[in-house]
């Protein structure tokens, strides 16, 4: 158990450094304004004085509050920057995990002869968001039509 605790402390130690940012993201109406960084104090006061925003915060999910209420208004730039930093931490982790899963799937025991260059190419293609336009690529090619008749299965 002590090894497990040590491993957790090592892996999640970075999160302790961002404790204040997480708290600002999760509970912006519950924080003590005197304890927040000076760059956020004026926004925190303005935010906490708004009964309308408090009601919206309690009536929808955390992500929807930022996505649909805070970001479109552009009224709280420091709060928005903090929220984007916090949310992007987990998005990067997800993309890395997704890429490792693809790599594990691509280089299995059956395909163990893949070179690093081939594996790099496979991962590059599988993680790309670009979709090839096969119709336009094929339209430029001459098609060869076979003269062999197709046999029916009758």
N, C-alpha and C. Protein backbone atom coordinates (compact mmCIF):
# COMPACT_ATOMS: atom_id res chain seq x y z
N UNK A 1 0.83 -1.19 0.00
CA UNK A 1 0.00 0.00 0.00
C UNK A 1 0.87 1.25 0.00
N UNK A 2 1.98 1.20 0.70
CA UNK A 2 2.86 2.38 0.72
C UNK A 2 3.45 2.65 -0.66
N UNK A 3 3.75 1.58 -1.41
CA UNK A 3 4.23 1.77 -2.79
C UNK A 3 3.15 2.39 -3.66
N UNK A 4 1.93 1.96 -3.46
CA UNK A 4 0.82 2.52 -4.21
C UNK A 4 0.63 4.01 -3.89
N UNK A 5 0.73 4.35 -2.61
CA UNK A 5 0.63 5.76 -2.22
C UNK A 5 1.76 6.59 -2.84
N UNK A 6 2.96 6.04 -2.84
CA UNK A 6 4.10 6.74 -3.43
C UNK A 6 3.88 6.95 -4.92
N UNK A 7 3.37 5.91 -5.59
CA UNK A 7 3.11 6.02 -7.03
C UNK A 7 2.04 7.07 -7.32
N UNK A 8 0.98 7.09 -6.54
CA UNK A 8 -0.06 8.11 -6.71
C UNK A 8 0.51 9.51 -6.47
N UNK A 9 1.35 9.64 -5.44
CA UNK A 9 1.94 10.94 -5.14
C UNK A 9 2.81 11.41 -6.29
N UNK A 10 3.56 10.49 -6.90
CA UNK A 10 4.41 10.86 -8.04
C UNK A 10 3.59 11.23 -9.27
N UNK A 11 2.58 10.43 -9.56
CA UNK A 11 1.78 10.65 -10.76
C UNK A 11 0.89 11.88 -10.69
N UNK A 12 0.32 12.13 -9.53
CA UNK A 12 -0.63 13.22 -9.39
C UNK A 12 -0.07 14.41 -8.62
N UNK A 13 1.24 14.44 -8.43
CA UNK A 13 1.88 15.56 -7.74
C UNK A 13 1.73 16.86 -8.49
N UNK A 14 1.72 16.78 -9.82
CA UNK A 14 1.57 17.99 -10.63
C UNK A 14 0.22 18.67 -10.38
N UNK A 15 -0.79 17.89 -10.09
CA UNK A 15 -2.12 18.45 -9.87
C UNK A 15 -2.18 19.32 -8.61
N UNK A 16 -1.35 19.00 -7.63
CA UNK A 16 -1.32 19.82 -6.42
C UNK A 16 -0.87 21.24 -6.72
N UNK A 17 0.00 21.37 -7.69
CA UNK A 17 0.49 22.70 -8.07
C UNK A 17 -0.63 23.55 -8.69
N UNK A 18 -1.65 22.90 -9.23
CA UNK A 18 -2.76 23.60 -9.88
C UNK A 18 -4.03 23.60 -9.02
N UNK A 19 -3.88 23.35 -7.75
CA UNK A 19 -5.03 23.26 -6.86
C UNK A 19 -5.91 24.51 -6.91
N UNK A 20 -5.29 25.68 -6.89
CA UNK A 20 -6.03 26.94 -6.90
C UNK A 20 -6.79 27.12 -8.21
N UNK A 21 -6.15 26.77 -9.34
CA UNK A 21 -6.81 26.90 -10.65
C UNK A 21 -8.01 25.97 -10.75
N UNK A 22 -7.87 24.74 -10.22
CA UNK A 22 -9.00 23.80 -10.22
C UNK A 22 -10.15 24.35 -9.39
N UNK A 23 -9.83 24.92 -8.25
CA UNK A 23 -10.86 25.45 -7.36
C UNK A 23 -11.59 26.62 -8.02
N UNK A 24 -10.85 27.48 -8.72
CA UNK A 24 -11.47 28.59 -9.43
C UNK A 24 -12.39 28.09 -10.54
N UNK A 25 -12.01 27.01 -11.17
CA UNK A 25 -12.80 26.44 -12.26
C UNK A 25 -14.08 25.78 -11.74
N UNK A 26 -13.95 24.99 -10.71
CA UNK A 26 -15.07 24.18 -10.22
C UNK A 26 -16.07 24.99 -9.39
N UNK A 27 -15.58 25.92 -8.58
CA UNK A 27 -16.48 26.64 -7.67
C UNK A 27 -16.17 28.13 -7.65
N UNK A 28 -16.38 28.85 -8.74
CA UNK A 28 -16.03 30.27 -8.75
C UNK A 28 -16.90 31.13 -7.83
N UNK A 29 -18.08 30.63 -7.44
CA UNK A 29 -18.95 31.41 -6.56
C UNK A 29 -18.68 31.13 -5.08
N UNK A 30 -17.93 30.08 -4.78
CA UNK A 30 -17.68 29.70 -3.39
C UNK A 30 -16.31 30.13 -2.88
N UNK A 31 -15.50 30.70 -3.71
CA UNK A 31 -14.14 31.05 -3.30
C UNK A 31 -14.15 32.36 -2.51
N UNK A 32 -13.18 32.48 -1.62
CA UNK A 32 -13.00 33.72 -0.86
C UNK A 32 -12.16 34.66 -1.73
N UNK A 33 -12.71 35.80 -2.05
CA UNK A 33 -12.07 36.74 -2.98
C UNK A 33 -10.71 37.19 -2.47
N UNK A 34 -10.56 37.30 -1.17
CA UNK A 34 -9.28 37.76 -0.62
C UNK A 34 -8.17 36.70 -0.77
N UNK A 35 -8.55 35.46 -1.03
CA UNK A 35 -7.56 34.39 -1.16
C UNK A 35 -7.19 34.06 -2.60
N UNK A 36 -7.89 34.64 -3.56
CA UNK A 36 -7.57 34.36 -4.96
C UNK A 36 -6.44 35.27 -5.43
N UNK A 37 -5.77 34.88 -6.51
CA UNK A 37 -4.70 35.74 -7.03
C UNK A 37 -5.24 37.12 -7.43
N UNK A 38 -4.37 38.11 -7.37
CA UNK A 38 -4.79 39.49 -7.65
C UNK A 38 -5.32 39.66 -9.06
N UNK A 39 -4.83 38.85 -10.02
CA UNK A 39 -5.28 38.97 -11.40
C UNK A 39 -6.74 38.56 -11.57
N UNK A 40 -7.30 37.89 -10.54
CA UNK A 40 -8.66 37.39 -10.66
C UNK A 40 -9.62 38.06 -9.68
N UNK A 41 -9.13 38.87 -8.77
CA UNK A 41 -9.98 39.41 -7.70
C UNK A 41 -11.14 40.26 -8.22
N UNK A 42 -10.90 41.16 -9.15
CA UNK A 42 -11.98 42.02 -9.63
C UNK A 42 -13.05 41.21 -10.38
N UNK A 43 -12.61 40.25 -11.18
CA UNK A 43 -13.57 39.40 -11.89
C UNK A 43 -14.36 38.55 -10.92
N UNK A 44 -13.69 38.05 -9.86
CA UNK A 44 -14.38 37.23 -8.87
C UNK A 44 -15.46 38.02 -8.15
N UNK A 45 -15.16 39.26 -7.81
CA UNK A 45 -16.15 40.10 -7.14
C UNK A 45 -17.35 40.34 -8.06
N UNK A 46 -17.07 40.69 -9.31
CA UNK A 46 -18.15 40.94 -10.27
C UNK A 46 -18.98 39.69 -10.53
N UNK A 47 -18.30 38.56 -10.64
CA UNK A 47 -18.98 37.29 -10.88
C UNK A 47 -19.88 36.92 -9.70
N UNK A 48 -19.35 37.02 -8.49
CA UNK A 48 -20.11 36.61 -7.31
C UNK A 48 -21.27 37.56 -6.99
N UNK A 49 -21.23 38.77 -7.50
CA UNK A 49 -22.33 39.72 -7.28
C UNK A 49 -23.50 39.49 -8.23
N UNK A 50 -23.31 38.69 -9.25
CA UNK A 50 -24.36 38.46 -10.24
C UNK A 50 -25.26 37.30 -9.82
N UNK A 51 -26.48 37.63 -9.43
CA UNK A 51 -27.45 36.59 -9.05
C UNK A 51 -27.88 35.77 -10.26
N UNK A 52 -27.93 36.41 -11.41
CA UNK A 52 -28.31 35.71 -12.64
C UNK A 52 -27.29 34.61 -12.98
N UNK A 53 -26.00 34.95 -12.88
CA UNK A 53 -24.97 33.95 -13.17
C UNK A 53 -24.96 32.84 -12.13
N UNK A 54 -25.22 33.18 -10.86
CA UNK A 54 -25.31 32.14 -9.82
C UNK A 54 -26.42 31.16 -10.13
N UNK A 55 -27.55 31.68 -10.57
CA UNK A 55 -28.69 30.81 -10.90
C UNK A 55 -28.36 29.91 -12.09
N UNK A 56 -27.73 30.47 -13.10
CA UNK A 56 -27.35 29.67 -14.26
C UNK A 56 -26.31 28.62 -13.89
N UNK A 57 -25.39 28.98 -13.00
CA UNK A 57 -24.34 28.05 -12.57
C UNK A 57 -24.95 26.85 -11.85
N UNK A 58 -25.95 27.11 -11.01
CA UNK A 58 -26.56 26.00 -10.26
C UNK A 58 -27.55 25.20 -11.09
N UNK A 59 -27.99 25.75 -12.22
CA UNK A 59 -29.01 25.05 -13.00
C UNK A 59 -28.45 24.21 -14.15
N UNK A 60 -27.18 24.36 -14.49
CA UNK A 60 -26.64 23.57 -15.59
C UNK A 60 -25.30 22.94 -15.20
N UNK A 61 -24.79 22.10 -16.05
CA UNK A 61 -23.52 21.44 -15.76
C UNK A 61 -22.37 22.44 -15.84
N UNK A 62 -21.26 22.07 -15.27
CA UNK A 62 -20.10 22.94 -15.23
C UNK A 62 -19.62 23.32 -16.63
N UNK A 63 -19.49 22.33 -17.50
CA UNK A 63 -19.02 22.60 -18.86
C UNK A 63 -20.02 23.45 -19.64
N UNK A 64 -21.29 23.18 -19.48
CA UNK A 64 -22.31 24.00 -20.17
C UNK A 64 -22.32 25.43 -19.65
N UNK A 65 -22.05 25.61 -18.36
CA UNK A 65 -21.99 26.97 -17.81
C UNK A 65 -20.89 27.77 -18.51
N UNK A 66 -19.71 27.18 -18.62
CA UNK A 66 -18.61 27.89 -19.28
C UNK A 66 -18.86 28.03 -20.78
N UNK A 67 -19.32 26.96 -21.39
CA UNK A 67 -19.50 26.95 -22.85
C UNK A 67 -20.62 27.87 -23.31
N UNK A 68 -21.75 27.84 -22.62
CA UNK A 68 -22.93 28.57 -23.08
C UNK A 68 -23.16 29.92 -22.40
N UNK A 69 -22.55 30.15 -21.24
CA UNK A 69 -22.82 31.38 -20.51
C UNK A 69 -21.59 32.29 -20.46
N UNK A 70 -20.48 31.76 -19.97
CA UNK A 70 -19.30 32.60 -19.73
C UNK A 70 -18.55 32.94 -21.01
N UNK A 71 -18.23 31.92 -21.80
CA UNK A 71 -17.41 32.16 -23.01
C UNK A 71 -18.12 33.09 -24.00
N UNK A 72 -19.39 32.87 -24.35
CA UNK A 72 -20.03 33.78 -25.31
C UNK A 72 -20.10 35.23 -24.83
N UNK A 73 -20.22 35.44 -23.53
CA UNK A 73 -20.31 36.81 -23.04
C UNK A 73 -18.97 37.53 -23.15
N UNK A 74 -17.87 36.82 -22.99
CA UNK A 74 -16.55 37.42 -23.04
C UNK A 74 -16.31 38.40 -21.91
N UNK A 75 -17.16 38.36 -20.91
CA UNK A 75 -17.13 39.32 -19.82
C UNK A 75 -16.03 39.05 -18.80
N UNK A 76 -15.60 37.79 -18.68
CA UNK A 76 -14.63 37.41 -17.67
C UNK A 76 -13.42 36.73 -18.33
N UNK A 77 -12.52 37.49 -18.93
CA UNK A 77 -11.42 36.90 -19.69
C UNK A 77 -10.47 36.05 -18.85
N UNK A 78 -10.21 36.45 -17.60
CA UNK A 78 -9.31 35.66 -16.75
C UNK A 78 -9.95 34.34 -16.36
N UNK A 79 -11.24 34.37 -16.08
CA UNK A 79 -11.97 33.14 -15.76
C UNK A 79 -12.00 32.21 -16.97
N UNK A 80 -12.19 32.77 -18.15
CA UNK A 80 -12.19 31.97 -19.38
C UNK A 80 -10.82 31.35 -19.62
N UNK A 81 -9.75 32.14 -19.46
CA UNK A 81 -8.40 31.61 -19.64
C UNK A 81 -8.12 30.48 -18.67
N UNK A 82 -8.52 30.66 -17.42
CA UNK A 82 -8.32 29.62 -16.42
C UNK A 82 -9.09 28.35 -16.79
N UNK A 83 -10.34 28.52 -17.21
CA UNK A 83 -11.17 27.37 -17.59
C UNK A 83 -10.56 26.63 -18.78
N UNK A 84 -10.08 27.37 -19.76
CA UNK A 84 -9.47 26.73 -20.93
C UNK A 84 -8.21 25.96 -20.55
N UNK A 85 -7.42 26.49 -19.64
CA UNK A 85 -6.21 25.79 -19.20
C UNK A 85 -6.56 24.50 -18.48
N UNK A 86 -7.54 24.56 -17.60
CA UNK A 86 -7.93 23.37 -16.83
C UNK A 86 -8.51 22.30 -17.75
N UNK A 87 -9.41 22.70 -18.62
CA UNK A 87 -10.05 21.73 -19.51
C UNK A 87 -9.03 21.12 -20.49
N UNK A 88 -8.10 21.92 -20.97
CA UNK A 88 -7.14 21.40 -21.94
C UNK A 88 -6.16 20.41 -21.32
N UNK A 89 -5.95 20.47 -20.02
CA UNK A 89 -5.08 19.48 -19.37
C UNK A 89 -5.58 18.07 -19.61
N UNK A 90 -6.86 17.90 -19.48
CA UNK A 90 -7.43 16.57 -19.61
C UNK A 90 -7.63 16.17 -21.06
N UNK A 91 -7.83 17.12 -21.92
CA UNK A 91 -7.93 16.82 -23.34
C UNK A 91 -6.62 16.29 -23.90
N UNK A 92 -5.51 16.85 -23.48
CA UNK A 92 -4.20 16.37 -23.94
C UNK A 92 -3.96 14.96 -23.43
N UNK A 93 -4.34 14.68 -22.19
CA UNK A 93 -4.16 13.35 -21.63
C UNK A 93 -4.96 12.33 -22.42
N UNK A 94 -6.20 12.68 -22.76
CA UNK A 94 -7.06 11.79 -23.53
C UNK A 94 -6.45 11.48 -24.89
N UNK A 95 -5.94 12.49 -25.58
CA UNK A 95 -5.35 12.28 -26.91
C UNK A 95 -4.13 11.37 -26.82
N UNK A 96 -3.31 11.54 -25.78
CA UNK A 96 -2.14 10.68 -25.60
C UNK A 96 -2.56 9.24 -25.36
N UNK A 97 -3.53 9.05 -24.49
CA UNK A 97 -4.02 7.69 -24.21
C UNK A 97 -4.61 7.06 -25.47
N UNK A 98 -5.33 7.84 -26.25
CA UNK A 98 -5.92 7.35 -27.48
C UNK A 98 -4.84 6.92 -28.46
N UNK A 99 -3.78 7.70 -28.56
CA UNK A 99 -2.68 7.38 -29.47
C UNK A 99 -1.96 6.11 -29.01
N UNK A 100 -1.73 5.95 -27.71
CA UNK A 100 -1.08 4.74 -27.22
C UNK A 100 -1.94 3.50 -27.48
N UNK A 101 -3.25 3.64 -27.36
CA UNK A 101 -4.14 2.51 -27.66
C UNK A 101 -4.04 2.13 -29.14
N UNK A 102 -3.99 3.11 -30.02
CA UNK A 102 -3.84 2.82 -31.44
C UNK A 102 -2.51 2.15 -31.73
N UNK A 103 -1.47 2.61 -31.04
CA UNK A 103 -0.15 2.02 -31.25
C UNK A 103 -0.15 0.57 -30.77
N UNK A 104 -0.76 0.31 -29.63
CA UNK A 104 -0.82 -1.06 -29.11
C UNK A 104 -1.60 -1.96 -30.06
N UNK A 105 -2.70 -1.44 -30.61
CA UNK A 105 -3.51 -2.20 -31.55
C UNK A 105 -2.74 -2.46 -32.85
N UNK A 106 -2.01 -1.45 -33.32
CA UNK A 106 -1.27 -1.58 -34.58
C UNK A 106 -0.09 -2.53 -34.47
N UNK A 107 0.60 -2.48 -33.36
CA UNK A 107 1.79 -3.31 -33.21
C UNK A 107 1.49 -4.43 -32.21
N UNK A 108 0.70 -5.37 -32.67
CA UNK A 108 0.35 -6.53 -31.84
C UNK A 108 1.32 -7.66 -32.14
N UNK A 109 1.10 -8.81 -31.54
CA UNK A 109 1.96 -9.97 -31.79
C UNK A 109 1.91 -10.41 -33.24
N UNK A 110 0.74 -10.24 -33.88
CA UNK A 110 0.60 -10.64 -35.27
C UNK A 110 1.31 -9.68 -36.22
N UNK A 111 1.53 -8.47 -35.78
CA UNK A 111 2.16 -7.47 -36.64
C UNK A 111 3.45 -6.96 -35.99
N UNK A 112 4.20 -7.84 -35.40
CA UNK A 112 5.39 -7.43 -34.66
C UNK A 112 6.56 -7.05 -35.55
N UNK A 113 6.45 -7.28 -36.85
CA UNK A 113 7.54 -6.97 -37.77
C UNK A 113 7.52 -5.52 -38.27
N UNK A 114 6.59 -4.74 -37.78
CA UNK A 114 6.52 -3.35 -38.19
C UNK A 114 7.77 -2.60 -37.75
N UNK A 115 8.33 -1.82 -38.65
CA UNK A 115 9.47 -0.99 -38.27
C UNK A 115 8.95 0.27 -37.60
N UNK A 116 9.85 0.99 -36.97
CA UNK A 116 9.45 2.23 -36.31
C UNK A 116 8.91 3.24 -37.32
N UNK A 117 9.49 3.27 -38.52
CA UNK A 117 9.00 4.20 -39.55
C UNK A 117 7.58 3.86 -39.97
N UNK A 118 7.30 2.55 -40.17
CA UNK A 118 5.95 2.15 -40.54
C UNK A 118 4.95 2.46 -39.43
N UNK A 119 5.35 2.18 -38.20
CA UNK A 119 4.47 2.47 -37.06
C UNK A 119 4.21 3.97 -36.95
N UNK A 120 5.24 4.76 -37.16
CA UNK A 120 5.08 6.21 -37.15
C UNK A 120 4.08 6.67 -38.22
N UNK A 121 4.19 6.10 -39.42
CA UNK A 121 3.25 6.45 -40.50
C UNK A 121 1.82 6.04 -40.16
N UNK A 122 1.66 4.84 -39.60
CA UNK A 122 0.32 4.36 -39.23
C UNK A 122 -0.30 5.27 -38.18
N UNK A 123 0.48 5.63 -37.17
CA UNK A 123 -0.04 6.51 -36.11
C UNK A 123 -0.35 7.90 -36.64
N UNK A 124 0.47 8.39 -37.55
CA UNK A 124 0.22 9.70 -38.13
C UNK A 124 -1.10 9.71 -38.89
N UNK A 125 -1.33 8.68 -39.69
CA UNK A 125 -2.57 8.60 -40.48
C UNK A 125 -3.78 8.39 -39.57
N UNK A 126 -3.64 7.51 -38.57
CA UNK A 126 -4.80 7.20 -37.72
C UNK A 126 -5.15 8.35 -36.78
N UNK A 127 -4.21 9.23 -36.48
CA UNK A 127 -4.52 10.34 -35.58
C UNK A 127 -4.85 11.63 -36.32
N UNK A 128 -4.78 11.59 -37.63
CA UNK A 128 -5.07 12.77 -38.43
C UNK A 128 -6.58 13.01 -38.49
N UNK A 129 -6.96 14.26 -38.50
CA UNK A 129 -8.38 14.60 -38.62
C UNK A 129 -8.76 14.83 -40.07
N UNK A 130 -7.80 14.78 -40.97
CA UNK A 130 -8.08 14.97 -42.39
C UNK A 130 -8.71 13.71 -42.97
N UNK A 131 -9.71 13.89 -43.78
CA UNK A 131 -10.38 12.78 -44.45
C UNK A 131 -10.13 12.91 -45.95
N UNK A 132 -9.62 11.86 -46.59
CA UNK A 132 -9.36 11.96 -48.02
C UNK A 132 -10.66 12.02 -48.82
N UNK A 133 -10.65 12.78 -49.88
CA UNK A 133 -11.79 12.88 -50.78
C UNK A 133 -11.57 11.84 -51.89
N UNK A 134 -12.00 10.62 -51.63
CA UNK A 134 -11.74 9.52 -52.54
C UNK A 134 -12.41 9.70 -53.89
N UNK A 135 -13.59 10.29 -53.91
CA UNK A 135 -14.30 10.50 -55.18
C UNK A 135 -13.49 11.39 -56.11
N UNK A 136 -12.95 12.48 -55.59
CA UNK A 136 -12.19 13.37 -56.47
C UNK A 136 -10.84 12.75 -56.85
N UNK A 137 -10.26 11.97 -55.96
CA UNK A 137 -9.00 11.29 -56.29
C UNK A 137 -9.21 10.25 -57.38
N UNK A 138 -10.33 9.55 -57.33
CA UNK A 138 -10.62 8.51 -58.32
C UNK A 138 -11.13 9.09 -59.64
N UNK A 139 -11.71 10.26 -59.60
CA UNK A 139 -12.27 10.83 -60.83
C UNK A 139 -11.18 11.21 -61.83
N UNK A 140 -9.99 11.45 -61.37
CA UNK A 140 -8.89 11.82 -62.27
C UNK A 140 -8.23 10.60 -62.92
N UNK A 141 -8.58 9.43 -62.52
CA UNK A 141 -7.96 8.20 -63.02
C UNK A 141 -8.76 7.62 -64.18
N UNK A 142 -8.08 6.99 -65.09
CA UNK A 142 -8.76 6.26 -66.16
C UNK A 142 -9.11 4.89 -65.64
N UNK A 143 -10.33 4.51 -65.85
CA UNK A 143 -10.78 3.21 -65.39
C UNK A 143 -10.68 2.21 -66.54
N UNK A 144 -10.16 1.07 -66.24
CA UNK A 144 -10.04 0.02 -67.25
C UNK A 144 -11.22 -0.92 -67.05
N UNK A 145 -12.00 -1.07 -68.10
CA UNK A 145 -13.18 -1.91 -68.03
C UNK A 145 -12.82 -3.26 -68.62
N UNK A 146 -13.13 -4.29 -67.90
CA UNK A 146 -12.83 -5.65 -68.35
C UNK A 146 -13.88 -6.12 -69.37
N UNK A 147 -13.43 -6.89 -70.35
CA UNK A 147 -14.33 -7.45 -71.36
C UNK A 147 -14.88 -8.81 -70.94
N UNK A 148 -14.46 -9.29 -69.82
CA UNK A 148 -14.92 -10.60 -69.34
C UNK A 148 -16.33 -10.45 -68.81
N UNK A 149 -17.28 -11.26 -69.31
CA UNK A 149 -18.66 -11.15 -68.83
C UNK A 149 -18.77 -11.65 -67.38
N UNK A 150 -19.67 -11.05 -66.66
CA UNK A 150 -19.91 -11.45 -65.27
C UNK A 150 -20.86 -12.62 -65.28
N UNK A 151 -20.46 -13.68 -64.60
CA UNK A 151 -21.29 -14.89 -64.53
C UNK A 151 -22.31 -14.73 -63.42
N UNK A 152 -23.51 -15.14 -63.72
CA UNK A 152 -24.55 -15.10 -62.70
C UNK A 152 -24.49 -16.37 -61.87
N UNK A 153 -25.05 -16.35 -60.69
CA UNK A 153 -25.02 -17.49 -59.76
C UNK A 153 -26.23 -18.39 -59.93
N UNK A 154 -26.91 -18.34 -61.01
CA UNK A 154 -28.13 -19.12 -61.19
C UNK A 154 -27.84 -20.55 -61.41
